[in-house]
Amino acid sequence: MSQIVDLTLTLEDNMPAHKLFQRPVVVPHLTHEQTKSFDLGVPGDRLTFATTYIGTIDHIATHVDAFYHVNPNGASVDKMPLEIFMGKAVCFDMTHIPDLGDIDVAEMEEAEAKAGVKVDGHIVLMNTGLHNRHYPDVKVVWSNPGLTAEATHWLADRNSTFHGVEGPSTDKPSWDEFPNHRVCRDRGISHYEWLINLEELVGKGEFMFYGPPLKINNGSGSPVRAWAVLD
């Protein structure tokens, strides 16, 4: 039987966010206690309900960047074909990369060889151990490694339309040049950020990844429920 691995960080009130973004608001809207007075249902079988208010930007928790996020002429998340948010994938072991370290071509090639999967149109996920080291400490948003421009070109040259990382960004928070985001813009590719449980995918070879976004009108990205299926 197939195994499903949930790769999604729980969306919570006031959770850590990227240094440039507001934290989300996730609070009760109506509670079961409050809705008793609505007198719903029938005598002897009353119905109460609960709802939750969510206030957030579209780049929070586990999310995907739309092409429009860094390219004013790129497609917004609602205009991107649904099928590109899923596909064959592989997870690279990058746990040797330190906080604020660089993931360069040499690291990609070494990880590819260890994974035993030649990247050819794969969604490439990178397990750095960042989440388990730091979350929920806010230090997590100041500690993630980053992909170099050359490593991002390496992915694009192998027809990898999406890649994914732990933490709030594919670029180091200590460096405002954003090499990964700029190459993604120029090569027409993108990425998932703040995936979790990637350690469960290391050494598993090729698997299927799913990360469908919300259909947000003109959205620059979207929170996602991401998962992998291991055969």
C-alpha atoms as a PDB file:
ATOM      1  CA  MET A   1       0.000   0.000   0.000  1.00  0.00           C
ATOM      2  CA  SER A   2       1.085   3.580  -0.642  1.00  0.00           C
ATOM      3  CA  GLN A   3       2.233   5.783   2.230  1.00  0.00           C
ATOM      4  CA  ILE A   4       1.153   9.425   2.421  1.00  0.00           C
ATOM      5  CA  VAL A   5       3.602  11.861   4.016  1.00  0.00           C
ATOM      6  CA  ASP A   6       2.096  15.185   5.088  1.00  0.00           C
ATOM      7  CA  LEU A   7       4.556  17.972   4.224  1.00  0.00           C
ATOM      8  CA  THR A   8       2.431  20.828   5.544  1.00  0.00           C
ATOM      9  CA  LEU A   9       3.105  23.149   8.449  1.00  0.00           C
ATOM     10  CA  THR A  10      -0.001  23.884  10.553  1.00  0.00           C
ATOM     11  CA  LEU A  11      -1.350  27.392   9.955  1.00  0.00           C
ATOM     12  CA  GLU A  12      -1.518  29.007  13.405  1.00  0.00           C
ATOM     13  CA  ASP A  13      -2.214  32.388  14.941  1.00  0.00           C
ATOM     14  CA  ASN A  14       0.855  34.651  15.100  1.00  0.00           C
ATOM     15  CA  MET A  15       3.191  31.966  13.749  1.00  0.00           C
ATOM     16  CA  PRO A  16       6.662  32.978  12.521  1.00  0.00           C
ATOM     17  CA  ALA A  17       6.726  34.549   9.064  1.00  0.00           C
ATOM     18  CA  HIS A  18       9.345  35.770   6.605  1.00  0.00           C
ATOM     19  CA  LYS A  19      11.119  38.918   7.785  1.00  0.00           C
ATOM     20  CA  LEU A  20       9.285  41.079   5.206  1.00  0.00           C
ATOM     21  CA  PHE A  21       5.782  39.751   5.930  1.00  0.00           C
ATOM     22  CA  GLN A  22       3.088  40.098   8.564  1.00  0.00           C
ATOM     23  CA  ARG A  23       2.260  37.159  10.779  1.00  0.00           C
ATOM     24  CA  PRO A  24      -1.178  35.584  10.274  1.00  0.00           C
ATOM     25  CA  VAL A  25      -4.271  35.967  12.424  1.00  0.00           C
ATOM     26  CA  VAL A  26      -6.129  32.697  13.077  1.00  0.00           C
ATOM     27  CA  VAL A  27      -8.773  33.084  15.794  1.00  0.00           C
ATOM     28  CA  PRO A  28     -12.237  31.759  16.662  1.00  0.00           C
ATOM     29  CA  HIS A  29     -15.003  33.579  14.795  1.00  0.00           C
ATOM     30  CA  LEU A  30     -18.125  31.922  16.195  1.00  0.00           C
ATOM     31  CA  THR A  31     -17.997  29.193  18.832  1.00  0.00           C
ATOM     32  CA  HIS A  32     -20.405  26.378  19.687  1.00  0.00           C
ATOM     33  CA  GLU A  33     -21.214  28.212  22.928  1.00  0.00           C
ATOM     34  CA  GLN A  34     -22.054  31.409  21.065  1.00  0.00           C
ATOM     35  CA  THR A  35     -24.243  29.723  18.462  1.00  0.00           C
ATOM     36  CA  LYS A  36     -26.493  28.018  21.011  1.00  0.00           C
ATOM     37  CA  SER A  37     -28.562  31.198  20.973  1.00  0.00           C
ATOM     38  CA  PHE A  38     -29.209  30.874  17.219  1.00  0.00           C
ATOM     39  CA  ASP A  39     -31.777  28.138  17.978  1.00  0.00           C
ATOM     40  CA  LEU A  40     -30.844  26.118  14.920  1.00  0.00           C
ATOM     41  CA  GLY A  41     -32.067  22.590  14.336  1.00  0.00           C
ATOM     42  CA  VAL A  42     -35.266  21.329  15.975  1.00  0.00           C
ATOM     43  CA  PRO A  43     -36.439  20.972  19.607  1.00  0.00           C
ATOM     44  CA  GLY A  44     -34.593  18.062  21.125  1.00  0.00           C
ATOM     45  CA  ASP A  45     -31.923  18.144  18.425  1.00  0.00           C
ATOM     46  CA  ARG A  46     -30.412  21.624  18.369  1.00  0.00           C
ATOM     47  CA  LEU A  47     -27.459  22.396  16.105  1.00  0.00           C
ATOM     48  CA  THR A  48     -24.477  24.534  17.049  1.00  0.00           C
ATOM     49  CA  PHE A  49     -21.482  25.315  14.910  1.00  0.00           C
ATOM     50  CA  ALA A  50     -18.033  26.874  14.962  1.00  0.00           C
ATOM     51  CA  THR A  51     -16.184  29.017  12.430  1.00  0.00           C
ATOM     52  CA  THR A  52     -12.625  30.365  12.348  1.00  0.00           C
ATOM     53  CA  TYR A  53     -11.374  33.728  11.121  1.00  0.00           C
ATOM     54  CA  ILE A  54      -8.206  33.592   9.021  1.00  0.00           C
ATOM     55  CA  GLY A  55      -6.369  36.776   8.102  1.00  0.00           C
ATOM     56  CA  THR A  56      -3.142  36.259   6.184  1.00  0.00           C
ATOM     57  CA  ILE A  57      -1.044  37.179   3.189  1.00  0.00           C
ATOM     58  CA  ASP A  58      -0.635  34.511   0.519  1.00  0.00           C
ATOM     59  CA  HIS A  59       2.966  33.640   1.492  1.00  0.00           C
ATOM     60  CA  ILE A  60       2.580  32.115   4.934  1.00  0.00           C
ATOM     61  CA  ALA A  61       3.262  28.669   6.412  1.00  0.00           C
ATOM     62  CA  THR A  62       3.591  25.998   3.689  1.00  0.00           C
ATOM     63  CA  HIS A  63       3.010  27.893   0.456  1.00  0.00           C
ATOM     64  CA  VAL A  64       3.828  28.110  -3.231  1.00  0.00           C
ATOM     65  CA  ASP A  65       5.048  31.173  -5.117  1.00  0.00           C
ATOM     66  CA  ALA A  66       3.118  32.054  -8.262  1.00  0.00           C
ATOM     67  CA  PHE A  67       5.137  33.227 -11.257  1.00  0.00           C
ATOM     68  CA  TYR A  68       3.591  36.658 -10.667  1.00  0.00           C
ATOM     69  CA  HIS A  69       5.250  36.909  -7.231  1.00  0.00           C
ATOM     70  CA  VAL A  70       8.548  38.122  -8.699  1.00  0.00           C
ATOM     71  CA  ASN A  71       7.562  38.741 -12.319  1.00  0.00           C
ATOM     72  CA  PRO A  72       5.010  41.495 -13.047  1.00  0.00           C
ATOM     73  CA  ASN A  73       4.244  39.716 -16.329  1.00  0.00           C
ATOM     74  CA  GLY A  74       4.047  36.246 -14.799  1.00  0.00           C
ATOM     75  CA  ALA A  75       0.876  34.253 -14.237  1.00  0.00           C
ATOM     76  CA  SER A  76      -0.978  34.686 -10.965  1.00  0.00           C
ATOM     77  CA  VAL A  77      -1.698  31.539  -8.985  1.00  0.00           C
ATOM     78  CA  ASP A  78      -5.268  31.238 -10.298  1.00  0.00           C
ATOM     79  CA  LYS A  79      -4.017  31.360 -13.894  1.00  0.00           C
ATOM     80  CA  MET A  80      -1.355  28.665 -13.503  1.00  0.00           C
ATOM     81  CA  PRO A  81      -2.360  25.189 -14.752  1.00  0.00           C
ATOM     82  CA  LEU A  82      -3.403  22.973 -11.856  1.00  0.00           C
ATOM     83  CA  GLU A  83      -1.384  20.022 -13.141  1.00  0.00           C
ATOM     84  CA  ILE A  84       1.958  21.786 -12.638  1.00  0.00           C
ATOM     85  CA  PHE A  85       1.436  21.714  -8.854  1.00  0.00           C
ATOM     86  CA  MET A  86       1.935  17.955  -8.782  1.00  0.00           C
ATOM     87  CA  GLY A  87       4.299  15.456 -10.324  1.00  0.00           C
ATOM     88  CA  LYS A  88       7.242  13.128  -9.942  1.00  0.00           C
ATOM     89  CA  ALA A  89       9.649  14.273  -7.252  1.00  0.00           C
ATOM     90  CA  VAL A  90      12.827  13.493  -5.364  1.00  0.00           C
ATOM     91  CA  CYS A  91      14.144  14.684  -2.007  1.00  0.00           C
ATOM     92  CA  PHE A  92      17.791  15.679  -1.602  1.00  0.00           C
ATOM     93  CA  ASP A  93      19.598  15.292   1.713  1.00  0.00           C
ATOM     94  CA  MET A  94      21.087  18.701   2.540  1.00  0.00           C
ATOM     95  CA  THR A  95      21.367  18.278   6.297  1.00  0.00           C
ATOM     96  CA  HIS A  96      25.098  18.976   6.135  1.00  0.00           C
ATOM     97  CA  ILE A  97      24.393  22.538   4.992  1.00  0.00           C
ATOM     98  CA  PRO A  98      24.635  24.841   8.046  1.00  0.00           C
ATOM     99  CA  ASP A  99      22.327  27.679   8.959  1.00  0.00           C
ATOM    100  CA  LEU A 100      22.801  30.545   6.471  1.00  0.00           C
ATOM    101  CA  GLY A 101      24.865  28.216   4.274  1.00  0.00           C
ATOM    102  CA  ASP A 102      24.876  28.028   0.484  1.00  0.00           C
ATOM    103  CA  ILE A 103      23.376  25.211  -1.563  1.00  0.00           C
ATOM    104  CA  ASP A 104      25.470  25.280  -4.731  1.00  0.00           C
ATOM    105  CA  VAL A 105      25.863  23.072  -7.804  1.00  0.00           C
ATOM    106  CA  ALA A 106      28.344  20.743  -6.098  1.00  0.00           C
ATOM    107  CA  GLU A 107      25.832  20.055  -3.327  1.00  0.00           C
ATOM    108  CA  MET A 108      23.059  19.435  -5.863  1.00  0.00           C
ATOM    109  CA  GLU A 109      25.146  16.985  -7.866  1.00  0.00           C
ATOM    110  CA  GLU A 110      26.294  15.111  -4.764  1.00  0.00           C
ATOM    111  CA  ALA A 111      22.734  14.875  -3.442  1.00  0.00           C
ATOM    112  CA  GLU A 112      21.426  13.743  -6.835  1.00  0.00           C
ATOM    113  CA  ALA A 113      23.976  10.918  -6.913  1.00  0.00           C
ATOM    114  CA  LYS A 114      23.072   9.824  -3.375  1.00  0.00           C
ATOM    115  CA  ALA A 115      19.351   9.934  -4.154  1.00  0.00           C
ATOM    116  CA  GLY A 116      19.861   7.658  -7.150  1.00  0.00           C
ATOM    117  CA  VAL A 117      17.414   9.684  -9.243  1.00  0.00           C
ATOM    118  CA  LYS A 118      18.601  11.708 -12.229  1.00  0.00           C
ATOM    119  CA  VAL A 119      16.684  14.980 -12.209  1.00  0.00           C
ATOM    120  CA  ASP A 120      14.651  15.288 -15.399  1.00  0.00           C
ATOM    121  CA  GLY A 121      11.504  17.321 -14.893  1.00  0.00           C
ATOM    122  CA  HIS A 122      11.305  16.370 -11.202  1.00  0.00           C
ATOM    123  CA  ILE A 123      10.071  18.546  -8.374  1.00  0.00           C
ATOM    124  CA  VAL A 124      13.188  18.698  -6.211  1.00  0.00           C
ATOM    125  CA  LEU A 125      12.713  18.980  -2.442  1.00  0.00           C
ATOM    126  CA  MET A 126      15.614  19.748  -0.095  1.00  0.00           C
ATOM    127  CA  ASN A 127      15.798  18.438   3.459  1.00  0.00           C
ATOM    128  CA  THR A 128      18.093  20.729   5.461  1.00  0.00           C
ATOM    129  CA  GLY A 129      16.834  19.917   8.965  1.00  0.00           C
ATOM    130  CA  LEU A 130      16.103  23.612   9.528  1.00  0.00           C
ATOM    131  CA  HIS A 131      12.547  23.123  10.738  1.00  0.00           C
ATOM    132  CA  ASN A 132      13.411  20.528  13.361  1.00  0.00           C
ATOM    133  CA  ARG A 133      16.376  22.584  14.547  1.00  0.00           C
ATOM    134  CA  HIS A 134      14.508  25.802  15.192  1.00  0.00           C
ATOM    135  CA  TYR A 135      10.711  25.818  14.826  1.00  0.00           C
ATOM    136  CA  PRO A 136       8.719  27.362  16.524  1.00  0.00           C
ATOM    137  CA  ASP A 137      11.501  29.703  17.698  1.00  0.00           C
ATOM    138  CA  VAL A 138      11.430  32.876  15.606  1.00  0.00           C
ATOM    139  CA  LYS A 139      15.124  32.208  14.948  1.00  0.00           C
ATOM    140  CA  VAL A 140      13.916  29.937  12.165  1.00  0.00           C
ATOM    141  CA  VAL A 141      13.185  32.942   9.938  1.00  0.00           C
ATOM    142  CA  TRP A 142      16.758  34.205  10.288  1.00  0.00           C
ATOM    143  CA  SER A 143      18.573  30.906   9.805  1.00  0.00           C
ATOM    144  CA  ASN A 144      17.656  29.164   6.558  1.00  0.00           C
ATOM    145  CA  PRO A 145      20.259  28.243   3.942  1.00  0.00           C
ATOM    146  CA  GLY A 146      19.847  29.562   0.422  1.00  0.00           C
ATOM    147  CA  LEU A 147      20.194  28.298  -3.128  1.00  0.00           C
ATOM    148  CA  THR A 148      22.792  30.009  -5.254  1.00  0.00           C
ATOM    149  CA  ALA A 149      21.940  31.362  -8.689  1.00  0.00           C
ATOM    150  CA  GLU A 150      24.025  28.579 -10.240  1.00  0.00           C
ATOM    151  CA  ALA A 151      22.142  25.870  -8.309  1.00  0.00           C
ATOM    152  CA  THR A 152      18.840  27.348  -9.460  1.00  0.00           C
ATOM    153  CA  HIS A 153      20.029  27.329 -13.079  1.00  0.00           C
ATOM    154  CA  TRP A 154      21.073  23.688 -12.517  1.00  0.00           C
ATOM    155  CA  LEU A 155      17.471  22.859 -11.650  1.00  0.00           C
ATOM    156  CA  ALA A 156      16.014  24.812 -14.563  1.00  0.00           C
ATOM    157  CA  ASP A 157      18.461  23.177 -16.990  1.00  0.00           C
ATOM    158  CA  ARG A 158      17.012  19.820 -15.918  1.00  0.00           C
ATOM    159  CA  ASN A 159      13.427  20.957 -16.559  1.00  0.00           C
ATOM    160  CA  SER A 160      12.578  21.154 -12.866  1.00  0.00           C
ATOM    161  CA  THR A 161       9.665  23.596 -12.824  1.00  0.00           C
ATOM    162  CA  PHE A 162       9.348  23.576  -9.021  1.00  0.00           C
ATOM    163  CA  HIS A 163      11.630  22.945  -6.067  1.00  0.00           C
ATOM    164  CA  GLY A 164      10.869  23.084  -2.366  1.00  0.00           C
ATOM    165  CA  VAL A 165      12.612  23.947   0.890  1.00  0.00           C
ATOM    166  CA  GLU A 166      12.134  24.082   4.633  1.00  0.00           C
ATOM    167  CA  GLY A 167      11.781  27.502   6.214  1.00  0.00           C
ATOM    168  CA  PRO A 168      10.384  30.776   4.909  1.00  0.00           C
ATOM    169  CA  SER A 169      12.506  31.251   1.793  1.00  0.00           C
ATOM    170  CA  THR A 170      14.733  29.661  -0.818  1.00  0.00           C
ATOM    171  CA  ASP A 171      17.086  32.619  -0.298  1.00  0.00           C
ATOM    172  CA  LYS A 172      19.152  33.392   2.788  1.00  0.00           C
ATOM    173  CA  PRO A 173      17.607  36.042   5.081  1.00  0.00           C
ATOM    174  CA  SER A 174      21.052  37.578   5.536  1.00  0.00           C
ATOM    175  CA  TRP A 175      21.429  38.408   1.838  1.00  0.00           C
ATOM    176  CA  ASP A 176      19.029  40.766   0.078  1.00  0.00           C
ATOM    177  CA  GLU A 177      20.212  39.907  -3.438  1.00  0.00           C
ATOM    178  CA  PHE A 178      17.691  37.012  -3.652  1.00  0.00           C
ATOM    179  CA  PRO A 179      19.625  34.990  -6.271  1.00  0.00           C
ATOM    180  CA  ASN A 180      17.160  32.079  -6.299  1.00  0.00           C
ATOM    181  CA  HIS A 181      14.112  34.273  -6.747  1.00  0.00           C
ATOM    182  CA  ARG A 182      15.765  36.266  -9.533  1.00  0.00           C
ATOM    183  CA  VAL A 183      16.757  33.150 -11.465  1.00  0.00           C
ATOM    184  CA  CYS A 184      13.275  31.690 -10.942  1.00  0.00           C
ATOM    185  CA  ARG A 185      11.868  34.899 -12.434  1.00  0.00           C
ATOM    186  CA  ASP A 186      14.201  34.746 -15.429  1.00  0.00           C
ATOM    187  CA  ARG A 187      13.826  31.007 -16.106  1.00  0.00           C
ATOM    188  CA  GLY A 188      10.058  30.775 -15.560  1.00  0.00           C
ATOM    189  CA  ILE A 189      10.219  28.354 -12.638  1.00  0.00           C
ATOM    190  CA  SER A 190       9.137  28.636  -9.010  1.00  0.00           C
ATOM    191  CA  HIS A 191       9.185  26.929  -5.624  1.00  0.00           C
ATOM    192  CA  TYR A 192       7.463  25.791  -2.459  1.00  0.00           C
ATOM    193  CA  GLU A 193       8.551  27.222   0.875  1.00  0.00           C
ATOM    194  CA  TRP A 194       8.212  26.000   4.452  1.00  0.00           C
ATOM    195  CA  LEU A 195       7.682  22.332   3.763  1.00  0.00           C
ATOM    196  CA  ILE A 196       8.123  19.976   6.733  1.00  0.00           C
ATOM    197  CA  ASN A 197       8.751  16.257   7.323  1.00  0.00           C
ATOM    198  CA  LEU A 198      11.149  16.132   4.375  1.00  0.00           C
ATOM    199  CA  GLU A 199      13.430  13.811   6.338  1.00  0.00           C
ATOM    200  CA  GLU A 200      10.826  11.089   5.738  1.00  0.00           C
ATOM    201  CA  LEU A 201      11.483  11.316   1.987  1.00  0.00           C
ATOM    202  CA  VAL A 202      15.268  11.118   1.973  1.00  0.00           C
ATOM    203  CA  GLY A 203      16.485   7.877   0.421  1.00  0.00           C
ATOM    204  CA  LYS A 204      13.048   6.983  -0.936  1.00  0.00           C
ATOM    205  CA  GLY A 205      13.932   7.514  -4.591  1.00  0.00           C
ATOM    206  CA  GLU A 206      11.262   8.880  -6.882  1.00  0.00           C
ATOM    207  CA  PHE A 207       7.782   9.601  -5.499  1.00  0.00           C
ATOM    208  CA  MET A 208       4.733  11.681  -6.334  1.00  0.00           C
ATOM    209  CA  PHE A 209       4.342  15.167  -4.878  1.00  0.00           C
ATOM    210  CA  TYR A 210       1.108  17.151  -4.615  1.00  0.00           C
ATOM    211  CA  GLY A 211       0.848  20.806  -3.561  1.00  0.00           C
ATOM    212  CA  PRO A 212      -2.349  22.361  -4.957  1.00  0.00           C
ATOM    213  CA  PRO A 213      -2.913  26.050  -4.160  1.00  0.00           C
ATOM    214  CA  LEU A 214      -6.076  27.926  -3.324  1.00  0.00           C
ATOM    215  CA  LYS A 215      -7.556  29.582  -6.412  1.00  0.00           C
ATOM    216  CA  ILE A 216      -6.898  33.170  -5.304  1.00  0.00           C
ATOM    217  CA  ASN A 217      -7.839  35.838  -7.843  1.00  0.00           C
ATOM    218  CA  ASN A 218      -4.603  37.514  -8.973  1.00  0.00           C
ATOM    219  CA  GLY A 219      -2.799  35.732  -6.123  1.00  0.00           C
ATOM    220  CA  SER A 220       0.971  36.080  -5.935  1.00  0.00           C
ATOM    221  CA  GLY A 221       1.070  32.720  -4.180  1.00  0.00           C
ATOM    222  CA  SER A 222      -1.020  30.554  -1.912  1.00  0.00           C
ATOM    223  CA  PRO A 223      -0.919  28.459   1.226  1.00  0.00           C
ATOM    224  CA  VAL A 224      -1.054  24.799   0.216  1.00  0.00           C
ATOM    225  CA  ARG A 225      -1.713  21.382   1.701  1.00  0.00           C
ATOM    226  CA  ALA A 226       1.342  19.533   0.422  1.00  0.00           C
ATOM    227  CA  TRP A 227       1.924  15.788   0.562  1.00  0.00           C
ATOM    228  CA  ALA A 228       4.002  13.023  -0.961  1.00  0.00           C
ATOM    229  CA  VAL A 229       2.917   9.511  -1.907  1.00  0.00           C
ATOM    230  CA  LEU A 230       5.462   6.737  -1.443  1.00  0.00           C
ATOM    231  CA  ASP A 231       4.838   3.406  -3.140  1.00  0.00           C
END
